[in-house]
C-alpha atoms as a PDB file:
ATOM      1  CA  MET A   1       0.165   0.154  -0.003  1.00  0.00           C
ATOM      2  CA  SER A   2       1.630   3.376  -1.038  1.00  0.00           C
ATOM      3  CA  ASN A   3      -0.386   5.637   0.914  1.00  0.00           C
ATOM      4  CA  PRO A   4       1.110   5.725   4.588  1.00  0.00           C
ATOM      5  CA  ASN A   5      -2.103   7.387   5.762  1.00  0.00           C
ATOM      6  CA  LYS A   6      -4.146   5.084   4.030  1.00  0.00           C
ATOM      7  CA  ALA A   7      -2.361   2.023   5.661  1.00  0.00           C
ATOM      8  CA  LYS A   8      -2.511   3.673   9.064  1.00  0.00           C
ATOM      9  CA  GLY A   9      -6.377   3.433   8.773  1.00  0.00           C
ATOM     10  CA  THR A  10      -6.647   0.077   7.317  1.00  0.00           C
ATOM     11  CA  SER A  11      -4.300  -1.053  10.476  1.00  0.00           C
ATOM     12  CA  TRP A  12      -6.361   0.796  12.593  1.00  0.00           C
ATOM     13  CA  GLU A  13      -9.749  -0.965  11.328  1.00  0.00           C
ATOM     14  CA  SER A  14      -8.293  -4.644  11.401  1.00  0.00           C
ATOM     15  CA  ALA A  15      -6.940  -4.154  14.803  1.00  0.00           C
ATOM     16  CA  VAL A  16     -10.952  -3.165  16.026  1.00  0.00           C
ATOM     17  CA  ARG A  17     -11.258  -5.986  14.205  1.00  0.00           C
ATOM     18  CA  ASP A  18     -10.104  -8.307  15.499  1.00  0.00           C
ATOM     19  CA  TYR A  19     -10.429  -7.320  19.148  1.00  0.00           C
ATOM     20  CA  MET A  20     -13.417  -7.030  18.351  1.00  0.00           C
ATOM     21  CA  ASN A  21     -14.053 -10.838  17.207  1.00  0.00           C
ATOM     22  CA  ARG A  22     -11.987 -12.537  20.011  1.00  0.00           C
ATOM     23  CA  ALA A  23     -13.697 -10.865  22.625  1.00  0.00           C
ATOM     24  CA  LEU A  24     -17.184 -11.502  21.241  1.00  0.00           C
ATOM     25  CA  GLY A  25     -15.818 -15.617  21.254  1.00  0.00           C
ATOM     26  CA  LEU A  26     -15.804 -15.360  17.469  1.00  0.00           C
ATOM     27  CA  VAL A  27     -12.917 -16.637  16.537  1.00  0.00           C
ATOM     28  CA  ASP A  28     -10.780 -19.712  17.518  1.00  0.00           C
ATOM     29  CA  GLU A  29      -7.173 -19.307  19.790  1.00  0.00           C
ATOM     30  CA  HIS A  30      -5.947 -18.699  15.995  1.00  0.00           C
ATOM     31  CA  GLY A  31      -8.544 -16.411  14.836  1.00  0.00           C
ATOM     32  CA  VAL A  32     -10.181 -18.318  12.526  1.00  0.00           C
ATOM     33  CA  TRP A  33     -13.801 -17.619  12.175  1.00  0.00           C
ATOM     34  CA  ARG A  34     -15.841 -20.144  14.794  1.00  0.00           C
ATOM     35  CA  ASP A  35     -18.762 -20.177  12.142  1.00  0.00           C
ATOM     36  CA  ILE A  36     -17.877 -18.201   9.041  1.00  0.00           C
ATOM     37  CA  TYR A  37     -21.162 -17.756   7.535  1.00  0.00           C
ATOM     38  CA  SER A  38     -21.983 -15.882  11.206  1.00  0.00           C
ATOM     39  CA  ALA A  39     -24.177 -12.531  10.539  1.00  0.00           C
ATOM     40  CA  LEU A  40     -22.753 -11.523  13.847  1.00  0.00           C
ATOM     41  CA  ASN A  41     -18.733 -11.993  12.413  1.00  0.00           C
ATOM     42  CA  VAL A  42     -17.368  -7.989  12.804  1.00  0.00           C
ATOM     43  CA  LYS A  43     -16.077  -7.818   9.321  1.00  0.00           C
ATOM     44  CA  ARG A  44     -14.005  -5.288   7.142  1.00  0.00           C
ATOM     45  CA  PRO A  45     -16.949  -4.525   3.975  1.00  0.00           C
ATOM     46  CA  ALA A  46     -15.680  -3.850   0.775  1.00  0.00           C
ATOM     47  CA  GLN A  47     -16.169  -0.616  -0.372  1.00  0.00           C
ATOM     48  CA  GLU A  48     -18.616  -1.013  -3.673  1.00  0.00           C
ATOM     49  CA  GLY A  49     -20.680   2.205  -5.082  1.00  0.00           C
ATOM     50  CA  SER A  50     -20.340   5.539  -4.098  1.00  0.00           C
ATOM     51  CA  ALA A  51     -22.523   5.272  -0.936  1.00  0.00           C
ATOM     52  CA  ASP A  52     -20.120   4.078   2.020  1.00  0.00           C
ATOM     53  CA  VAL A  53     -21.624   1.486   4.469  1.00  0.00           C
ATOM     54  CA  GLY A  54     -18.876   2.374   6.995  1.00  0.00           C
ATOM     55  CA  ASP A  55     -15.295   0.083   7.866  1.00  0.00           C
ATOM     56  CA  VAL A  56     -16.263  -2.221  10.170  1.00  0.00           C
ATOM     57  CA  HIS A  57     -19.424  -4.165  10.546  1.00  0.00           C
ATOM     58  CA  ALA A  58     -20.521  -5.403  14.228  1.00  0.00           C
ATOM     59  CA  VAL A  59     -24.402  -6.220  13.907  1.00  0.00           C
ATOM     60  CA  PRO A  60     -26.368  -4.105  14.929  1.00  0.00           C
ATOM     61  CA  PHE A  61     -23.654  -0.871  14.623  1.00  0.00           C
ATOM     62  CA  ILE A  62     -21.641   0.798  12.117  1.00  0.00           C
ATOM     63  CA  LEU A  63     -18.109   1.544  12.760  1.00  0.00           C
ATOM     64  CA  GLU A  64     -15.975   4.199  11.282  1.00  0.00           C
ATOM     65  CA  CYS A  65     -12.696   3.861  12.718  1.00  0.00           C
ATOM     66  CA  LYS A  66     -10.082   6.949  12.628  1.00  0.00           C
ATOM     67  CA  ASN A  67      -6.399   6.829  13.291  1.00  0.00           C
ATOM     68  CA  VAL A  68      -6.047  10.472  13.529  1.00  0.00           C
ATOM     69  CA  LYS A  69      -3.311  13.170  14.643  1.00  0.00           C
ATOM     70  CA  ASN A  70      -6.688  15.879  15.804  1.00  0.00           C
ATOM     71  CA  PRO A  71      -9.703  13.867  16.112  1.00  0.00           C
ATOM     72  CA  ALA A  72     -13.207  15.522  14.410  1.00  0.00           C
ATOM     73  CA  VAL A  73     -15.438  13.659  16.537  1.00  0.00           C
ATOM     74  CA  PRO A  74     -18.978  15.512  15.486  1.00  0.00           C
ATOM     75  CA  THR A  75     -17.764  15.614  11.973  1.00  0.00           C
ATOM     76  CA  PHE A  76     -16.799  11.507  12.168  1.00  0.00           C
ATOM     77  CA  LEU A  77     -20.345  10.791  14.183  1.00  0.00           C
ATOM     78  CA  ARG A  78     -22.274  12.353  11.365  1.00  0.00           C
ATOM     79  CA  GLN A  79     -20.053  10.441   9.041  1.00  0.00           C
ATOM     80  CA  ALA A  80     -21.045   7.066  10.391  1.00  0.00           C
ATOM     81  CA  GLU A  81     -24.655   7.907  10.813  1.00  0.00           C
ATOM     82  CA  VAL A  82     -25.116   7.947   6.603  1.00  0.00           C
ATOM     83  CA  GLU A  83     -22.492   5.141   6.293  1.00  0.00           C
ATOM     84  CA  ALA A  84     -24.650   3.023   8.897  1.00  0.00           C
ATOM     85  CA  LYS A  85     -28.167   4.141   6.958  1.00  0.00           C
ATOM     86  CA  ASN A  86     -26.376   3.440   3.830  1.00  0.00           C
ATOM     87  CA  ALA A  87     -25.454  -0.001   4.772  1.00  0.00           C
ATOM     88  CA  GLY A  88     -29.161  -0.724   6.436  1.00  0.00           C
ATOM     89  CA  PHE A  89     -27.572  -1.115  10.433  1.00  0.00           C
ATOM     90  CA  PRO A  90     -29.852   1.117  12.995  1.00  0.00           C
ATOM     91  CA  TYR A  91     -26.500   2.551  14.713  1.00  0.00           C
ATOM     92  CA  GLY A  92     -22.772   4.400  13.591  1.00  0.00           C
ATOM     93  CA  VAL A  93     -20.194   5.363  15.704  1.00  0.00           C
ATOM     94  CA  ALA A  94     -16.934   6.513  15.743  1.00  0.00           C
ATOM     95  CA  VAL A  95     -13.402   4.680  16.758  1.00  0.00           C
ATOM     96  CA  VAL A  96     -10.897   6.486  17.190  1.00  0.00           C
ATOM     97  CA  LYS A  97      -7.258   5.138  18.015  1.00  0.00           C
ATOM     98  CA  VAL A  98      -5.618   6.816  21.236  1.00  0.00           C
ATOM     99  CA  PRO A  99      -1.728   7.119  20.551  1.00  0.00           C
ATOM    100  CA  ARG A 100       0.264   3.730  21.973  1.00  0.00           C
ATOM    101  CA  ALA A 101      -2.581   2.427  23.863  1.00  0.00           C
ATOM    102  CA  ASN A 102      -3.685  -0.936  22.990  1.00  0.00           C
ATOM    103  CA  VAL A 103      -6.781  -1.249  20.703  1.00  0.00           C
ATOM    104  CA  ARG A 104      -8.968  -2.157  23.510  1.00  0.00           C
ATOM    105  CA  ARG A 105      -8.689   1.822  24.831  1.00  0.00           C
ATOM    106  CA  GLY A 106      -9.491   3.350  22.189  1.00  0.00           C
ATOM    107  CA  ARG A 107     -12.402   5.600  22.095  1.00  0.00           C
ATOM    108  CA  VAL A 108     -16.007   4.830  20.844  1.00  0.00           C
ATOM    109  CA  HIS A 109     -18.072   8.303  20.394  1.00  0.00           C
ATOM    110  CA  PHE A 110     -21.689   7.717  20.321  1.00  0.00           C
ATOM    111  CA  THR A 111     -24.464  11.131  19.310  1.00  0.00           C
ATOM    112  CA  ILE A 112     -26.828  11.716  21.753  1.00  0.00           C
ATOM    113  CA  ALA A 113     -29.365  10.163  19.366  1.00  0.00           C
ATOM    114  CA  THR A 114     -27.810   7.048  18.753  1.00  0.00           C
ATOM    115  CA  TRP A 115     -26.742   6.283  22.127  1.00  0.00           C
ATOM    116  CA  THR A 116     -30.376   7.348  23.446  1.00  0.00           C
ATOM    117  CA  ARG A 117     -31.912   4.432  21.369  1.00  0.00           C
ATOM    118  CA  VAL A 118     -28.628   2.435  22.185  1.00  0.00           C
ATOM    119  CA  ARG A 119     -30.318   2.393  25.833  1.00  0.00           C
ATOM    120  CA  ARG A 120     -34.143   1.945  24.946  1.00  0.00           C
ATOM    121  CA  ALA A 121     -33.445  -0.612  23.471  1.00  0.00           C
ATOM    122  CA  LEU A 122     -31.041  -1.841  26.456  1.00  0.00           C
ATOM    123  CA  ARG A 123     -33.775  -0.670  28.492  1.00  0.00           C
ATOM    124  CA  LEU A 124     -31.549   0.993  30.372  1.00  0.00           C
ATOM    125  CA  SER A 125     -31.795   4.176  32.675  1.00  0.00           C
ATOM    126  CA  SER A 126     -29.219   7.144  31.563  1.00  0.00           C
ATOM    127  CA  ARG A 127     -27.379   6.308  35.291  1.00  0.00           C
ATOM    128  CA  ALA A 128     -27.472   2.193  34.316  1.00  0.00           C
ATOM    129  CA  MET A 129     -25.888   3.087  30.791  1.00  0.00           C
ATOM    130  CA  PHE A 130     -23.278   5.922  32.171  1.00  0.00           C
ATOM    131  CA  GLU A 131     -21.871   3.260  35.064  1.00  0.00           C
ATOM    132  CA  ARG A 132     -22.593  -0.217  33.133  1.00  0.00           C
ATOM    133  CA  TYR A 133     -20.708   1.057  30.412  1.00  0.00           C
ATOM    134  CA  ALA A 134     -18.662   3.770  31.540  1.00  0.00           C
ATOM    135  CA  PHE A 135     -19.640   6.800  29.269  1.00  0.00           C
ATOM    136  CA  SER A 136     -18.084   9.762  29.864  1.00  0.00           C
ATOM    137  CA  VAL A 137     -19.961  13.034  27.542  1.00  0.00           C
ATOM    138  CA  SER A 138     -18.326  15.760  25.792  1.00  0.00           C
ATOM    139  CA  LEU A 139     -20.709  18.759  25.720  1.00  0.00           C
ATOM    140  CA  ARG A 140     -18.491  21.453  23.652  1.00  0.00           C
ATOM    141  CA  GLY A 141     -20.385  25.239  23.466  1.00  0.00           C
ATOM    142  CA  LEU A 142     -24.526  25.122  23.277  1.00  0.00           C
ATOM    143  CA  ASP A 143     -24.546  23.711  19.560  1.00  0.00           C
ATOM    144  CA  SER A 144     -25.905  20.470  20.992  1.00  0.00           C
ATOM    145  CA  SER A 145     -25.057  18.723  17.640  1.00  0.00           C
ATOM    146  CA  LYS A 146     -21.441  18.865  19.208  1.00  0.00           C
ATOM    147  CA  TRP A 147     -22.185  16.913  22.232  1.00  0.00           C
ATOM    148  CA  TYR A 148     -21.273  13.038  22.122  1.00  0.00           C
ATOM    149  CA  PHE A 149     -21.336  10.198  24.777  1.00  0.00           C
ATOM    150  CA  THR A 150     -17.804   8.044  24.650  1.00  0.00           C
ATOM    151  CA  THR A 151     -16.475   4.572  26.440  1.00  0.00           C
ATOM    152  CA  ASP A 152     -13.636   2.812  25.295  1.00  0.00           C
ATOM    153  CA  VAL A 153     -13.531  -0.603  22.942  1.00  0.00           C
ATOM    154  CA  GLU A 154     -13.224  -2.878  25.515  1.00  0.00           C
ATOM    155  CA  GLU A 155     -16.817  -1.323  27.568  1.00  0.00           C
ATOM    156  CA  PHE A 156     -18.425  -1.044  23.674  1.00  0.00           C
ATOM    157  CA  THR A 157     -17.607  -4.837  22.621  1.00  0.00           C
ATOM    158  CA  ARG A 158     -19.812  -5.781  26.057  1.00  0.00           C
ATOM    159  CA  LEU A 159     -21.975  -3.426  25.298  1.00  0.00           C
ATOM    160  CA  VAL A 160     -22.532  -5.116  21.327  1.00  0.00           C
ATOM    161  CA  ASN A 161     -22.774  -8.417  23.500  1.00  0.00           C
ATOM    162  CA  HIS A 162     -25.259  -7.412  25.306  1.00  0.00           C
ATOM    163  CA  ILE A 163     -27.434  -5.653  23.119  1.00  0.00           C
ATOM    164  CA  ARG A 164     -27.350  -8.819  20.841  1.00  0.00           C
ATOM    165  CA  LYS A 165     -28.502 -11.053  23.243  1.00  0.00           C
ATOM    166  CA  GLY A 166     -31.354  -8.862  24.707  1.00  0.00           C
ATOM    167  CA  ARG A 167     -29.768  -8.652  27.761  1.00  0.00           C
ATOM    168  CA  ARG A 168     -30.364  -5.637  30.529  1.00  0.00           C
END
């Protein structure tokens, strides 16, 4: 791959995919899928056509993965939501690499609307959602379109597991 930034992004997408597959028990000790045909496998889709469908699919989420020096989280979240819609998935989130940190410490950002829909799907109170999945809030100025909730990849993976199982 001749573009170093593209290589960085692809590496981060693959690291997130591989971590989630291991943590969700979807691969064996060698990283081979237990069921190659399972719709629950976390995958990096091939990009086809003009409508981007996200970097990683972790049903029911589209992950827009970013490995950048200066994250523009509100922009990434708008992109994730468009791509989730393009792919026919209910939720889009942005996953941003933390420099020199393990993949499980990457930051997963939710819009307020997506966080609320996920919380309702899990039938949790706001307090329970914050505590159970170690969320923090970023309130940037008076423009609520720039507000978002954040957790890490490890907690997000637990959340994905719980929403797939319909757990509270």
